[in-house]
Amino acid sequence: TALRKLVALTPSSPEAWYDLAATQAILNQTNESLQSLTRAVELSGQRLAADPAQRDLRQDAATNRSFTFLQSLPEFRQLVAPR
């Protein structure tokens, strides 16, 4: 609930979406987690385009243990694939 409120208050924060996605993944909320992670990766990509020194959440998600349950899904593998 707290992370949903954080996303509502800061919808342009990649970290807020990323943390929500990680929590949803841990709770086995697969579809919700993939949607939140997609938004986090999009926002992170936009931020990286402006400032390459920022954290790359796409790369981080590929190795984050919170997403272990999703790693076998083609949607997840496509989302975290290097660009």
C-alpha atoms as a PDB file:
ATOM      1  CA  THR A   1       0.000   0.000   0.000  1.00  0.00           C
ATOM      2  CA  ALA A   2       2.785   2.417   0.879  1.00  0.00           C
ATOM      3  CA  LEU A   3       4.568   1.831  -2.427  1.00  0.00           C
ATOM      4  CA  ARG A   4       1.355   2.338  -4.394  1.00  0.00           C
ATOM      5  CA  LYS A   5       0.932   5.666  -2.610  1.00  0.00           C
ATOM      6  CA  LEU A   6       4.545   6.570  -3.361  1.00  0.00           C
ATOM      7  CA  VAL A   7       4.031   5.824  -7.062  1.00  0.00           C
ATOM      8  CA  ALA A   8       0.874   7.958  -7.020  1.00  0.00           C
ATOM      9  CA  LEU A   9       2.791  10.838  -5.427  1.00  0.00           C
ATOM     10  CA  THR A  10       5.920  10.479  -7.579  1.00  0.00           C
ATOM     11  CA  PRO A  11       4.820   8.869 -10.856  1.00  0.00           C
ATOM     12  CA  SER A  12       7.991   9.952 -12.655  1.00  0.00           C
ATOM     13  CA  SER A  13      10.314   8.223 -10.172  1.00  0.00           C
ATOM     14  CA  PRO A  14      11.865   5.105 -11.685  1.00  0.00           C
ATOM     15  CA  GLU A  15      12.905   3.876  -8.231  1.00  0.00           C
ATOM     16  CA  ALA A  16       9.361   4.080  -6.884  1.00  0.00           C
ATOM     17  CA  TRP A  17       8.088   1.924  -9.742  1.00  0.00           C
ATOM     18  CA  TYR A  18      11.070  -0.422  -9.392  1.00  0.00           C
ATOM     19  CA  ASP A  19      10.492  -0.940  -5.668  1.00  0.00           C
ATOM     20  CA  LEU A  20       6.796  -1.556  -6.310  1.00  0.00           C
ATOM     21  CA  ALA A  21       7.672  -4.093  -9.013  1.00  0.00           C
ATOM     22  CA  ALA A  22      10.107  -5.907  -6.713  1.00  0.00           C
ATOM     23  CA  THR A  23       7.516  -6.118  -3.952  1.00  0.00           C
ATOM     24  CA  GLN A  24       4.867  -7.357  -6.363  1.00  0.00           C
ATOM     25  CA  ALA A  25       7.291  -9.993  -7.669  1.00  0.00           C
ATOM     26  CA  ILE A  26       7.981 -11.232  -4.138  1.00  0.00           C
ATOM     27  CA  LEU A  27       4.212 -11.471  -3.591  1.00  0.00           C
ATOM     28  CA  ASN A  28       3.882 -13.490  -6.850  1.00  0.00           C
ATOM     29  CA  GLN A  29       1.826 -10.739  -8.489  1.00  0.00           C
ATOM     30  CA  THR A  30       3.370 -11.481 -11.862  1.00  0.00           C
ATOM     31  CA  ASN A  31       1.332  -9.285 -14.183  1.00  0.00           C
ATOM     32  CA  GLU A  32       1.383  -6.319 -11.859  1.00  0.00           C
ATOM     33  CA  SER A  33       5.109  -6.688 -11.292  1.00  0.00           C
ATOM     34  CA  LEU A  34       5.853  -6.817 -15.020  1.00  0.00           C
ATOM     35  CA  GLN A  35       3.739  -3.703 -15.605  1.00  0.00           C
ATOM     36  CA  SER A  36       5.451  -1.790 -12.813  1.00  0.00           C
ATOM     37  CA  LEU A  37       8.890  -2.963 -13.908  1.00  0.00           C
ATOM     38  CA  THR A  38       8.156  -1.925 -17.486  1.00  0.00           C
ATOM     39  CA  ARG A  39       7.341   1.579 -16.273  1.00  0.00           C
ATOM     40  CA  ALA A  40      10.476   1.661 -14.105  1.00  0.00           C
ATOM     41  CA  VAL A  41      12.674   0.597 -17.019  1.00  0.00           C
ATOM     42  CA  GLU A  42      11.069   3.169 -19.342  1.00  0.00           C
ATOM     43  CA  LEU A  43      11.620   5.984 -16.856  1.00  0.00           C
ATOM     44  CA  SER A  44      15.134   4.793 -16.108  1.00  0.00           C
ATOM     45  CA  GLY A  45      15.930   4.767 -19.831  1.00  0.00           C
ATOM     46  CA  GLN A  46      14.691   8.327 -20.217  1.00  0.00           C
ATOM     47  CA  ARG A  47      16.798   9.427 -17.283  1.00  0.00           C
ATOM     48  CA  LEU A  48      19.859   7.598 -18.631  1.00  0.00           C
ATOM     49  CA  ALA A  49      19.459   9.360 -21.980  1.00  0.00           C
ATOM     50  CA  ALA A  50      19.790  12.681 -20.174  1.00  0.00           C
ATOM     51  CA  ASP A  51      22.436  11.547 -17.686  1.00  0.00           C
ATOM     52  CA  PRO A  52      24.358   8.324 -18.453  1.00  0.00           C
ATOM     53  CA  ALA A  53      25.855   8.309 -14.945  1.00  0.00           C
ATOM     54  CA  GLN A  54      22.490   7.372 -13.400  1.00  0.00           C
ATOM     55  CA  ARG A  55      21.588   3.865 -12.230  1.00  0.00           C
ATOM     56  CA  ASP A  56      20.369   1.560 -15.004  1.00  0.00           C
ATOM     57  CA  LEU A  57      17.345  -0.232 -13.576  1.00  0.00           C
ATOM     58  CA  ARG A  58      17.100  -2.554 -16.600  1.00  0.00           C
ATOM     59  CA  GLN A  59      20.550  -3.901 -15.842  1.00  0.00           C
ATOM     60  CA  ASP A  60      19.849  -4.039 -12.112  1.00  0.00           C
ATOM     61  CA  ALA A  61      16.615  -5.994 -12.566  1.00  0.00           C
ATOM     62  CA  ALA A  62      18.424  -8.702 -14.519  1.00  0.00           C
ATOM     63  CA  THR A  63      20.376  -9.679 -11.397  1.00  0.00           C
ATOM     64  CA  ASN A  64      18.039  -8.591  -8.590  1.00  0.00           C
ATOM     65  CA  ARG A  65      16.979 -11.592  -6.491  1.00  0.00           C
ATOM     66  CA  SER A  66      13.550 -10.080  -5.939  1.00  0.00           C
ATOM     67  CA  PHE A  67      12.773 -10.913  -9.556  1.00  0.00           C
ATOM     68  CA  THR A  68      13.930 -14.557  -9.402  1.00  0.00           C
ATOM     69  CA  PHE A  69      10.359 -15.788  -9.827  1.00  0.00           C
ATOM     70  CA  LEU A  70      10.015 -13.775 -13.069  1.00  0.00           C
ATOM     71  CA  GLN A  71      13.360 -14.664 -14.644  1.00  0.00           C
ATOM     72  CA  SER A  72      11.965 -17.656 -16.541  1.00  0.00           C
ATOM     73  CA  LEU A  73       9.279 -15.552 -18.244  1.00  0.00           C
ATOM     74  CA  PRO A  74       9.937 -14.434 -21.825  1.00  0.00           C
ATOM     75  CA  GLU A  75       8.395 -11.027 -21.049  1.00  0.00           C
ATOM     76  CA  PHE A  76      10.897 -10.477 -18.255  1.00  0.00           C
ATOM     77  CA  ARG A  77      13.873 -11.647 -20.327  1.00  0.00           C
ATOM     78  CA  GLN A  78      12.855  -9.318 -23.159  1.00  0.00           C
ATOM     79  CA  LEU A  79      12.414  -6.391 -20.747  1.00  0.00           C
ATOM     80  CA  VAL A  80      15.861  -6.760 -19.182  1.00  0.00           C
ATOM     81  CA  ALA A  81      17.731  -7.695 -22.360  1.00  0.00           C
ATOM     82  CA  PRO A  82      20.666  -5.369 -23.064  1.00  0.00           C
ATOM     83  CA  ARG A  83      19.954  -2.661 -25.595  1.00  0.00           C
END
